[in-house]
N, C-alpha and C. Protein backbone atom coordinates (compact mmCIF):
# COMPACT_ATOMS: atom_id res chain seq x y z
N ALA A 1 -20.27 9.13 1.15
CA ALA A 1 -20.24 7.68 1.06
C ALA A 1 -19.83 6.61 0.49
N ALA A 2 -20.01 7.13 -1.69
CA ALA A 2 -20.16 6.95 -2.81
C ALA A 2 -18.03 6.76 -2.91
N ALA A 3 -17.70 7.63 -1.96
CA ALA A 3 -15.88 7.26 -1.98
C ALA A 3 -15.71 6.26 -1.17
N GLN A 4 -15.93 7.08 0.14
CA GLN A 4 -15.86 5.20 1.36
C GLN A 4 -16.12 3.67 0.58
N LYS A 5 -17.18 4.06 0.27
CA LYS A 5 -17.71 3.26 -0.41
C LYS A 5 -16.93 1.81 -1.40
N ILE A 6 -16.12 2.54 -1.95
CA ILE A 6 -15.46 2.44 -3.09
C ILE A 6 -13.99 1.97 -2.58
N ALA A 7 -13.68 3.58 -1.66
CA ALA A 7 -12.08 3.04 -1.13
C ALA A 7 -12.28 1.67 0.74
N LEU A 8 -13.00 1.00 0.92
CA LEU A 8 -12.69 -0.32 1.49
C LEU A 8 -13.11 -1.16 0.15
N GLU A 9 -13.72 -1.07 -0.80
CA GLU A 9 -14.06 -2.43 -1.55
C GLU A 9 -12.98 -2.61 -2.46
N HIS A 10 -12.38 -1.32 -2.54
CA HIS A 10 -10.45 -1.73 -3.29
C HIS A 10 -9.59 -2.61 -2.06
N ALA A 11 -9.89 -1.39 -0.97
CA ALA A 11 -9.03 -2.92 -0.07
C ALA A 11 -9.13 -3.88 0.39
N GLY A 12 -11.20 -4.70 0.83
CA GLY A 12 -11.79 -5.41 0.73
C GLY A 12 -11.45 -5.80 1.84
N VAL A 13 -11.96 -4.42 2.72
CA VAL A 13 -12.41 -4.29 4.63
C VAL A 13 -13.79 -3.74 4.24
N LYS A 14 -13.89 -4.64 5.53
CA LYS A 14 -15.80 -4.59 5.05
C LYS A 14 -16.27 -3.46 6.47
N ALA A 15 -16.84 -2.02 6.07
CA ALA A 15 -17.35 -1.30 6.85
C ALA A 15 -16.99 -1.08 7.87
N ALA A 16 -17.65 -2.55 8.10
CA ALA A 16 -18.16 -2.56 10.09
C ALA A 16 -17.00 -3.25 10.91
N ASP A 17 -15.96 -2.72 9.92
CA ASP A 17 -14.06 -2.91 10.35
C ASP A 17 -13.67 -2.10 10.59
N ALA A 18 -13.61 -1.00 10.27
CA ALA A 18 -13.06 0.07 9.57
C ALA A 18 -13.53 1.35 10.88
N THR A 19 -12.09 2.08 11.21
CA THR A 19 -12.90 3.19 12.02
C THR A 19 -12.37 4.09 11.09
N ILE A 20 -13.04 4.67 10.26
CA ILE A 20 -12.77 6.34 8.71
C ILE A 20 -12.61 7.35 10.55
N THR A 21 -11.21 8.04 10.13
CA THR A 21 -10.68 9.08 11.00
C THR A 21 -10.70 9.68 10.31
N LYS A 22 -11.09 10.14 8.96
CA LYS A 22 -10.67 10.81 7.94
C LYS A 22 -11.47 10.80 6.68
N SER A 23 -12.52 12.07 6.23
CA SER A 23 -12.95 11.95 4.62
C SER A 23 -13.80 13.07 4.52
N LYS A 24 -12.79 13.60 3.63
CA LYS A 24 -12.84 14.73 3.17
C LYS A 24 -12.38 15.17 2.16
N LEU A 25 -13.94 16.21 1.42
CA LEU A 25 -13.59 16.73 0.01
C LEU A 25 -12.00 18.46 -0.57
N ASP A 26 -11.36 17.31 -0.77
CA ASP A 26 -9.75 18.88 -0.35
C ASP A 26 -9.81 18.47 -2.57
N TYR A 27 -8.62 19.35 -3.04
CA TYR A 27 -8.38 20.17 -4.57
C TYR A 27 -5.79 19.47 -4.54
N GLU A 28 -7.33 18.25 -5.17
CA GLU A 28 -5.20 18.12 -6.02
C GLU A 28 -5.05 17.81 -7.50
N ASP A 29 -4.31 18.99 -7.75
CA ASP A 29 -3.80 18.30 -8.70
C ASP A 29 -5.27 19.72 -9.96
N GLY A 30 -5.17 20.79 -9.10
CA GLY A 30 -6.93 21.49 -9.53
C GLY A 30 -7.73 20.30 -9.93
N ARG A 31 -8.08 18.92 -9.04
CA ARG A 31 -9.15 18.75 -9.19
C ARG A 31 -9.75 18.06 -8.24
N GLN A 32 -10.88 17.62 -7.81
CA GLN A 32 -11.62 17.56 -6.77
C GLN A 32 -11.36 15.88 -5.76
N VAL A 33 -11.24 15.62 -5.00
CA VAL A 33 -10.50 14.66 -4.31
C VAL A 33 -10.79 14.31 -3.09
N TYR A 34 -11.36 12.69 -3.32
CA TYR A 34 -11.53 13.08 -1.32
C TYR A 34 -11.17 12.16 -0.95
N ASP A 35 -10.51 12.64 0.97
CA ASP A 35 -9.26 12.63 1.80
C ASP A 35 -10.09 11.51 2.51
N ILE A 36 -9.76 9.60 2.60
CA ILE A 36 -10.72 9.55 3.23
C ILE A 36 -9.10 8.67 4.12
N GLU A 37 -8.97 8.07 5.21
CA GLU A 37 -8.05 6.98 5.97
C GLU A 37 -8.89 6.83 6.69
N TRP A 38 -8.77 5.25 6.72
CA TRP A 38 -8.84 4.61 8.01
C TRP A 38 -8.61 3.89 8.64
N TYR A 39 -8.10 2.75 9.77
CA TYR A 39 -7.45 1.89 10.15
C TYR A 39 -8.86 0.86 10.27
N ALA A 40 -8.13 -0.46 10.31
CA ALA A 40 -8.75 -1.83 10.39
C ALA A 40 -7.87 -3.04 10.25
N GLY A 41 -7.81 -3.84 11.04
CA GLY A 41 -6.74 -5.12 11.38
C GLY A 41 -5.77 -4.44 11.55
N GLY A 42 -5.62 -3.51 12.49
CA GLY A 42 -3.94 -3.38 12.75
C GLY A 42 -3.21 -2.51 11.73
N ALA A 43 -3.52 -2.09 10.91
CA ALA A 43 -2.98 -0.70 9.91
C ALA A 43 -4.26 0.41 9.10
N LYS A 44 -3.22 0.92 8.47
CA LYS A 44 -3.59 2.67 8.70
C LYS A 44 -4.39 2.67 6.87
N TYR A 45 -5.18 3.23 6.14
CA TYR A 45 -5.32 3.17 5.29
C TYR A 45 -5.33 3.91 4.94
N ASP A 46 -4.88 4.93 3.18
CA ASP A 46 -5.04 6.43 2.89
C ASP A 46 -5.19 6.27 1.91
N TYR A 47 -6.62 6.77 0.97
CA TYR A 47 -7.77 6.72 -0.33
C TYR A 47 -7.02 8.53 -0.67
N GLU A 48 -7.28 8.77 -1.82
CA GLU A 48 -7.54 9.73 -2.61
C GLU A 48 -8.23 9.16 -4.42
N ILE A 49 -9.65 9.21 -3.65
CA ILE A 49 -10.90 9.38 -4.40
C ILE A 49 -10.88 10.60 -5.28
N ALA A 50 -10.73 10.31 -7.10
CA ALA A 50 -11.17 11.81 -7.45
C ALA A 50 -13.44 11.58 -7.95
N ALA A 51 -13.36 13.03 -7.13
CA ALA A 51 -14.84 13.71 -6.55
C ALA A 51 -16.08 12.94 -7.63
N ASP A 52 -15.25 13.09 -9.31
CA ASP A 52 -15.59 13.42 -10.68
C ASP A 52 -16.15 12.19 -11.19
N THR A 53 -15.55 11.27 -10.69
CA THR A 53 -14.98 10.17 -11.43
C THR A 53 -15.30 8.37 -10.66
N GLY A 54 -15.09 8.34 -9.64
CA GLY A 54 -15.12 7.76 -9.13
C GLY A 54 -13.33 7.10 -8.60
N GLU A 55 -12.50 7.71 -9.66
CA GLU A 55 -11.21 6.53 -9.73
C GLU A 55 -10.44 7.35 -8.40
N ILE A 56 -9.37 6.20 -7.88
CA ILE A 56 -8.67 5.72 -7.50
C ILE A 56 -7.21 6.67 -7.56
N ILE A 57 -7.18 7.12 -7.36
CA ILE A 57 -6.43 8.18 -7.31
C ILE A 57 -5.02 7.83 -7.19
N SER A 58 -4.91 7.79 -5.41
CA SER A 58 -3.58 7.48 -5.17
C SER A 58 -4.76 6.26 -3.88
N SER A 59 -3.61 5.01 -3.45
CA SER A 59 -3.88 4.76 -1.83
C SER A 59 -2.74 4.10 -1.30
N ALA A 60 -3.19 4.16 0.20
CA ALA A 60 -1.54 3.58 0.67
C ALA A 60 -2.82 2.82 1.96
N TYR A 61 -1.84 2.17 2.42
CA TYR A 61 -1.44 0.77 3.52
C TYR A 61 0.02 1.14 4.40
N GLU A 62 0.14 0.51 5.40
CA GLU A 62 0.74 0.64 6.65
C GLU A 62 0.75 -0.20 7.47
N GLU A 63 1.12 -1.03 8.11
CA GLU A 63 1.20 -1.94 8.57
C GLU A 63 1.12 -1.11 9.99
N LYS A 64 0.63 -1.71 10.91
CA LYS A 64 0.74 -0.56 12.22
C LYS A 64 1.54 -1.72 13.92
N THR A 65 1.37 -2.70 13.05
CA THR A 65 1.79 -3.78 14.54
C THR A 65 3.42 -5.11 14.00
N MET A 66 3.87 -4.95 14.94
CA MET A 66 4.93 -4.28 14.72
C MET A 66 5.71 -6.21 13.74
N GLY A 67 6.49 -6.83 12.47
CA GLY A 67 7.07 -7.50 12.97
C GLY A 67 7.88 -8.95 14.38
N ALA A 68 7.63 -9.63 13.45
CA ALA A 68 9.68 -10.50 14.38
C ALA A 68 10.44 -9.11 14.82
N ASP A 69 10.86 -8.63 15.63
CA ASP A 69 12.12 -7.93 16.20
C ASP A 69 13.68 -8.52 15.81
N SER A 70 14.08 -9.19 14.52
CA SER A 70 14.99 -10.26 14.73
C SER A 70 15.97 -9.10 13.72
N LYS A 71 16.75 -9.60 14.05
CA LYS A 71 18.21 -9.63 12.33
C LYS A 71 18.58 -10.36 11.58
N ASN A 72 17.65 -11.65 11.39
CA ASN A 72 17.95 -13.19 10.96
C ASN A 72 16.44 -12.82 9.61
N VAL A 73 16.73 -12.73 8.75
CA VAL A 73 16.16 -13.36 7.45
C VAL A 73 16.03 -14.85 7.00
N THR A 74 14.21 -14.24 7.24
CA THR A 74 13.84 -16.05 6.86
C THR A 74 13.37 -15.64 5.68
N VAL A 75 13.86 -14.52 5.13
CA VAL A 75 12.21 -15.45 4.12
C VAL A 75 13.25 -14.27 2.71
N SER A 76 13.96 -15.12 1.91
CA SER A 76 14.47 -14.83 0.86
C SER A 76 14.09 -13.71 0.11
N GLU A 77 14.97 -12.78 -0.93
CA GLU A 77 14.24 -12.06 -2.01
C GLU A 77 13.64 -12.63 -2.83
N ALA A 78 13.81 -13.63 -3.03
CA ALA A 78 13.16 -13.78 -4.69
C ALA A 78 11.39 -14.04 -3.89
N ASP A 79 11.02 -15.12 -2.68
CA ASP A 79 10.94 -15.07 -2.57
C ASP A 79 9.28 -13.45 -1.79
N ALA A 80 10.22 -12.46 -1.64
CA ALA A 80 9.54 -11.07 -0.71
C ALA A 80 9.11 -10.71 -2.49
N LYS A 81 9.97 -10.39 -3.39
CA LYS A 81 9.54 -10.09 -4.80
C LYS A 81 8.46 -10.47 -5.41
N LYS A 82 8.17 -11.89 -5.24
CA LYS A 82 7.17 -12.72 -5.79
C LYS A 82 6.35 -12.30 -4.63
N THR A 83 5.91 -11.90 -3.54
CA THR A 83 4.59 -11.56 -2.60
C THR A 83 4.35 -9.62 -3.40
N ALA A 84 5.68 -9.00 -3.81
CA ALA A 84 4.99 -7.56 -3.88
C ALA A 84 3.83 -7.89 -5.60
N LEU A 85 5.16 -9.00 -6.34
CA LEU A 85 4.87 -8.29 -7.74
C LEU A 85 3.10 -9.15 -8.03
N ASP A 86 3.19 -9.86 -7.20
CA ASP A 86 1.73 -11.03 -7.22
C ASP A 86 0.38 -9.32 -6.93
N ARG A 87 0.83 -8.96 -5.47
CA ARG A 87 -0.06 -7.90 -5.42
C ARG A 87 -0.40 -7.15 -6.91
N VAL A 88 0.73 -7.12 -7.58
CA VAL A 88 0.14 -5.73 -9.04
C VAL A 88 -0.55 -6.75 -9.82
N SER A 89 -1.50 -7.23 -10.82
CA SER A 89 -1.37 -8.24 -12.09
C SER A 89 -0.87 -7.92 -13.21
N GLY A 90 -0.09 -9.02 -13.87
CA GLY A 90 0.34 -9.06 -14.90
C GLY A 90 1.73 -8.14 -14.31
N ALA A 91 1.98 -7.55 -13.31
CA ALA A 91 3.54 -7.02 -13.21
C ALA A 91 4.79 -8.37 -13.41
N THR A 92 6.15 -7.68 -13.65
CA THR A 92 7.57 -8.91 -13.17
C THR A 92 8.38 -8.05 -13.23
N ASP A 93 9.24 -9.19 -13.25
CA ASP A 93 9.91 -8.75 -12.41
C ASP A 93 11.16 -7.11 -13.42
N LYS A 94 10.51 -7.24 -14.86
CA LYS A 94 11.78 -6.49 -15.12
C LYS A 94 11.25 -5.12 -15.06
N ASP A 95 9.94 -4.82 -14.10
CA ASP A 95 8.70 -3.80 -13.36
C ASP A 95 9.04 -3.43 -12.11
N LEU A 96 10.22 -4.29 -11.47
CA LEU A 96 10.87 -3.60 -10.65
C LEU A 96 12.04 -3.20 -11.02
N TYR A 97 10.94 -1.54 -10.00
CA TYR A 97 12.54 -0.53 -10.26
C TYR A 97 13.35 0.29 -8.81
N GLU A 98 13.28 -0.85 -7.62
CA GLU A 98 14.15 -0.83 -6.64
C GLU A 98 13.89 -1.77 -6.15
N TRP A 99 14.79 -1.69 -5.55
CA TRP A 99 15.09 -2.78 -4.28
C TRP A 99 15.70 -2.84 -4.00
N LYS A 100 15.78 -3.41 -1.99
CA LYS A 100 17.24 -3.24 -1.59
C LYS A 100 16.50 -3.73 0.05
N LEU A 101 17.47 -4.86 0.97
CA LEU A 101 17.17 -5.05 1.78
C LEU A 101 17.78 -4.02 3.06
N ASP A 102 17.21 -3.10 3.85
CA ASP A 102 17.21 -2.53 4.94
C ASP A 102 16.83 -2.86 6.67
N TYR A 103 17.60 -2.04 7.16
CA TYR A 103 16.84 -2.53 8.30
C TYR A 103 16.01 -1.27 9.23
N ASP A 104 15.21 -1.16 9.93
CA ASP A 104 14.76 -1.04 10.70
C ASP A 104 14.39 -1.19 12.33
N ASP A 105 14.96 -0.65 12.91
CA ASP A 105 15.03 -0.78 14.71
C ASP A 105 15.46 -2.01 14.50
N GLY A 106 16.47 -2.00 14.04
CA GLY A 106 16.81 -4.42 13.96
C GLY A 106 16.13 -4.61 13.36
N ARG A 107 14.89 -4.68 12.70
CA ARG A 107 14.52 -5.79 11.97
C ARG A 107 14.50 -5.31 10.35
N PRO A 108 14.98 -6.66 9.78
CA PRO A 108 14.96 -6.30 8.37
C PRO A 108 13.89 -6.77 7.64
N GLU A 109 14.22 -5.81 6.67
CA GLU A 109 13.32 -5.73 5.33
C GLU A 109 13.68 -5.35 4.34
N TYR A 110 11.99 -5.82 3.37
CA TYR A 110 12.71 -5.38 2.00
C TYR A 110 11.88 -4.50 1.15
N GLU A 111 12.28 -3.46 1.32
CA GLU A 111 11.78 -1.43 0.08
C GLU A 111 11.95 -1.76 -1.18
N GLY A 112 11.00 -1.44 -2.24
CA GLY A 112 10.93 -1.91 -3.10
C GLY A 112 9.95 -0.77 -3.81
N LYS A 113 10.10 -0.99 -5.57
CA LYS A 113 9.37 -0.29 -6.62
C LYS A 113 8.31 -0.72 -7.50
N ILE A 114 7.25 -1.06 -7.44
CA ILE A 114 7.09 -1.41 -9.35
C ILE A 114 6.49 -0.26 -10.04
N ILE A 115 6.81 -0.34 -10.85
CA ILE A 115 5.44 0.47 -11.89
C ILE A 115 5.15 -0.22 -12.72
N TYR A 116 4.02 -0.75 -13.02
CA TYR A 116 3.34 -1.38 -14.09
C TYR A 116 1.63 -0.10 -13.63
N GLY A 117 1.75 -0.45 -15.30
CA GLY A 117 0.49 0.32 -15.72
C GLY A 117 -0.54 1.68 -15.45
N GLY A 118 0.39 2.41 -15.78
CA GLY A 118 0.27 3.48 -15.15
C GLY A 118 0.29 3.84 -13.40
N THR A 119 0.72 2.67 -13.40
CA THR A 119 0.68 3.32 -11.37
C THR A 119 2.12 3.03 -10.79
N GLU A 120 2.10 4.13 -9.75
CA GLU A 120 4.18 3.56 -9.36
C GLU A 120 3.44 2.60 -7.73
N TYR A 121 3.96 1.27 -7.28
CA TYR A 121 3.79 1.26 -6.20
C TYR A 121 5.11 1.15 -5.44
N GLU A 122 5.55 1.94 -4.21
CA GLU A 122 5.83 2.04 -2.82
C GLU A 122 5.85 0.69 -2.20
N PHE A 123 7.11 0.13 -1.82
CA PHE A 123 6.01 -0.86 -0.19
C PHE A 123 7.20 -1.59 0.61
N THR A 124 7.01 -1.99 1.62
CA THR A 124 8.05 -2.30 2.78
C THR A 124 7.54 -4.44 2.57
N ILE A 125 8.51 -5.01 3.09
CA ILE A 125 7.49 -6.21 2.98
C ILE A 125 8.78 -7.17 4.17
N ASP A 126 8.18 -6.67 5.61
CA ASP A 126 9.10 -7.91 6.24
C ASP A 126 9.66 -8.55 6.18
N ALA A 127 11.32 -9.35 6.53
CA ALA A 127 12.40 -9.80 5.68
C ALA A 127 11.93 -11.51 6.88
N SER A 128 11.65 -11.34 7.87
CA SER A 128 11.59 -11.76 8.56
C SER A 128 10.06 -12.59 8.42
N THR A 129 9.05 -12.31 8.30
CA THR A 129 7.50 -12.91 8.24
C THR A 129 6.85 -12.26 7.28
N GLY A 130 7.27 -12.16 6.49
CA GLY A 130 7.23 -11.99 4.23
C GLY A 130 6.19 -11.29 4.71
N SER A 131 5.60 -10.62 5.67
CA SER A 131 4.45 -9.84 5.02
C SER A 131 4.77 -8.44 5.47
N VAL A 132 3.08 -7.95 4.17
CA VAL A 132 3.82 -6.34 3.53
C VAL A 132 3.10 -5.19 4.25
N MET A 133 4.10 -4.82 4.51
CA MET A 133 4.20 -3.49 6.22
C MET A 133 3.70 -2.22 5.56
N GLU A 134 3.87 -2.31 4.36
CA GLU A 134 3.40 -1.00 4.29
C GLU A 134 3.19 -0.52 2.11
N TRP A 135 2.40 -0.44 1.94
CA TRP A 135 1.86 -0.77 0.66
C TRP A 135 1.61 0.77 0.35
N ASP A 136 1.80 1.83 -0.73
CA ASP A 136 1.90 2.82 -1.08
C ASP A 136 1.44 2.52 -3.21
N ALA A 137 0.50 3.02 -3.32
CA ALA A 137 0.28 3.02 -5.07
C ALA A 137 -0.26 4.76 -4.95
N GLU A 138 0.05 5.05 -6.52
CA GLU A 138 -0.32 6.14 -7.03
C GLU A 138 -0.16 5.73 -9.00
N LYS A 139 -1.28 6.91 -8.59
CA LYS A 139 -1.24 6.92 -10.68
C LYS A 139 0.37 8.29 -11.34
N VAL A 140 1.18 7.78 -11.85
CA VAL A 140 1.88 8.04 -12.61
C VAL A 140 1.19 8.66 -14.13
N ARG A 141 1.54 10.26 -14.54
CA ARG A 141 1.42 10.67 -15.74
C ARG A 141 2.29 10.29 -16.87
């Protein structure tokens, strides 16, 4: 229950709004972790929380509702980069390690990676709407 509370608070999701689909104690790299998955607001969340410390080892977010189905890129690369960097307090352009414009099922999207503060963030931003469609965060050693 404590691990679920940590994950929900980190994601900014109220427990009443979440449908938890998995909450189990598991082992990752020789340590006990709670693997927690849930759906809320049209998105899927996946968290790993250290059983001993309550530390968030990894977090992932994936938008399940499709954005605008258009080949038109209406969000500039600069605006999309700002959206991603704004989610990682303190990160700057020099922390962006991958960036590309791609098309998925005809929908334009920006894909990128930020490495900052001991964490690697991978993300996808809808190039038509500017919304973050996927967001994964994982501690790097």
